[in-house]
Protein backbone atom coordinates (compact mmCIF):
# COMPACT_ATOMS: atom_id res chain seq x y z
CA MET A 1 0.22 0.31 0.03
CA ASN A 2 2.50 2.71 1.12
CA LEU A 3 4.60 1.61 -2.68
CA LEU A 4 1.18 2.40 -4.34
CA LEU A 5 1.02 5.81 -2.46
CA LEU A 6 5.41 6.35 -2.98
CA SER A 7 4.78 5.98 -6.52
CA LEU A 8 1.30 8.20 -7.17
CA PHE A 9 2.43 11.34 -5.13
CA ALA A 10 5.80 10.99 -7.50
CA LEU A 11 3.89 10.97 -10.69
CA ALA A 12 1.77 13.64 -9.39
CA LEU A 13 5.26 15.71 -8.57
CA GLY A 14 6.23 15.40 -11.74
CA LEU A 15 3.39 16.64 -13.54
CA MET A 16 2.80 19.09 -11.28
CA PHE A 17 6.85 20.17 -12.05
CA THR A 18 5.81 19.32 -15.90
CA LEU A 19 3.08 21.99 -15.52
CA TYR A 20 5.05 24.87 -13.83
CA ARG A 21 7.81 24.63 -16.71
CA SER A 22 5.53 24.17 -19.79
CA HIS A 23 3.45 27.45 -18.06
CA ASN A 24 7.05 29.32 -17.45
CA ARG A 25 7.99 29.20 -20.54
CA LYS A 26 4.76 30.22 -22.60
CA LYS A 27 4.86 32.67 -19.97
CA ALA A 28 8.15 33.79 -21.06
CA GLU A 29 7.31 33.84 -24.55
CA TYR A 30 4.76 36.76 -24.22
CA LEU A 31 7.76 38.73 -22.61
CA LEU A 32 9.25 38.74 -26.27
CA PRO A 33 9.13 42.21 -27.73
CA VAL A 34 6.88 42.87 -31.20
CA ARG A 35 7.69 44.38 -33.92
CA SER A 36 5.21 47.06 -35.66
CA ALA A 37 4.37 45.93 -38.96
CA ASN A 38 1.38 46.06 -41.41
CA ILE A 39 0.84 42.74 -43.27
CA VAL A 40 -0.53 44.04 -46.97
CA LYS A 41 -0.75 40.61 -48.52
CA ILE A 42 -0.80 36.71 -47.29
CA HIS A 43 -0.20 33.68 -48.93
CA SER A 44 -1.91 29.86 -47.16
CA TYR A 45 0.77 26.82 -48.80
CA LYS A 46 0.29 24.01 -47.92
CA SER A 47 3.96 23.00 -48.40
CA PHE A 48 5.16 25.97 -46.67
CA GLY A 49 3.11 27.52 -44.28
CA ILE A 50 2.08 31.22 -43.85
CA ILE A 51 4.30 33.55 -46.68
CA ALA A 52 3.03 37.02 -46.30
CA THR A 53 4.00 40.45 -47.95
CA ILE A 54 4.98 42.52 -44.06
CA ARG A 55 5.35 46.39 -44.52
CA PHE A 56 7.46 47.12 -41.29
CA LYS A 57 7.05 50.11 -40.03
CA ASP A 58 11.27 50.73 -38.70
CA ASP A 59 14.14 50.68 -41.45
CA LEU A 60 15.32 47.55 -39.41
CA THR A 61 16.03 44.09 -41.68
CA PRO A 62 13.71 41.99 -40.37
CA GLN A 63 15.30 38.81 -38.35
CA ILE A 64 14.24 35.83 -38.08
CA GLY A 65 12.41 34.81 -34.74
CA ASP A 66 11.26 38.50 -34.82
CA ARG A 67 7.55 38.71 -33.96
CA LEU A 68 4.32 41.11 -34.99
CA HIS A 69 1.13 41.63 -34.26
CA GLU A 70 -1.95 41.88 -36.82
CA GLU A 71 -5.49 42.08 -36.61
CA GLY A 72 -5.04 40.38 -32.68
CA ASN A 73 -2.64 37.71 -33.38
CA ILE A 74 0.79 37.56 -33.09
CA TYR A 75 3.21 35.76 -35.76
CA GLN A 76 6.83 34.60 -35.50
CA ILE A 77 8.86 34.52 -38.69
CA THR A 78 10.81 31.70 -39.59
CA GLY A 79 12.40 33.09 -42.55
CA VAL A 80 12.92 36.02 -44.87
CA VAL A 81 12.73 36.16 -48.74
CA THR A 82 15.36 39.17 -49.63
CA PRO A 83 14.40 40.59 -53.09
CA ASP A 84 15.39 40.32 -56.46
CA THR A 85 17.23 43.37 -57.45
CA ALA A 86 15.58 43.44 -60.71
CA THR A 87 12.14 43.72 -59.31
CA GLU A 88 11.24 46.89 -57.29
CA GLN A 89 9.95 46.83 -53.58
CA PRO A 90 10.26 49.18 -51.64
CA LYS A 91 12.88 48.78 -48.37
CA ASP A 92 10.77 48.85 -45.87
CA THR A 93 8.33 45.59 -47.53
CA TRP A 94 9.72 42.05 -47.11
CA ASP A 95 8.28 38.79 -48.12
CA CYS A 96 8.46 36.82 -45.05
CA ARG A 97 7.13 32.73 -43.22
CA LEU A 98 5.44 33.13 -40.36
CA VAL A 99 4.21 30.96 -37.80
CA LYS A 100 0.98 31.96 -35.21
CA VAL A 101 2.25 32.39 -32.14
């Protein structure tokens, strides 16, 4: 009987520890800075996910891992398409691969 109670206590303790770590990780994600940007156009592809044309309000080049906010959703950049020099694209507009956070 004591062995059963001890194993249940260990299982409950392990579950509580896992939930605690998961909660702290999610809370830390919300503290990351979010860049100011407008999503001009969203393309959704099954193989690539979300590809979007984004106009940033600052002059910084987007980096993988940057986060942005649009219409109540937070997106994280997982890829940046470098513009072709032959095409005319505004310097503050980039094509990026996004995932919804």
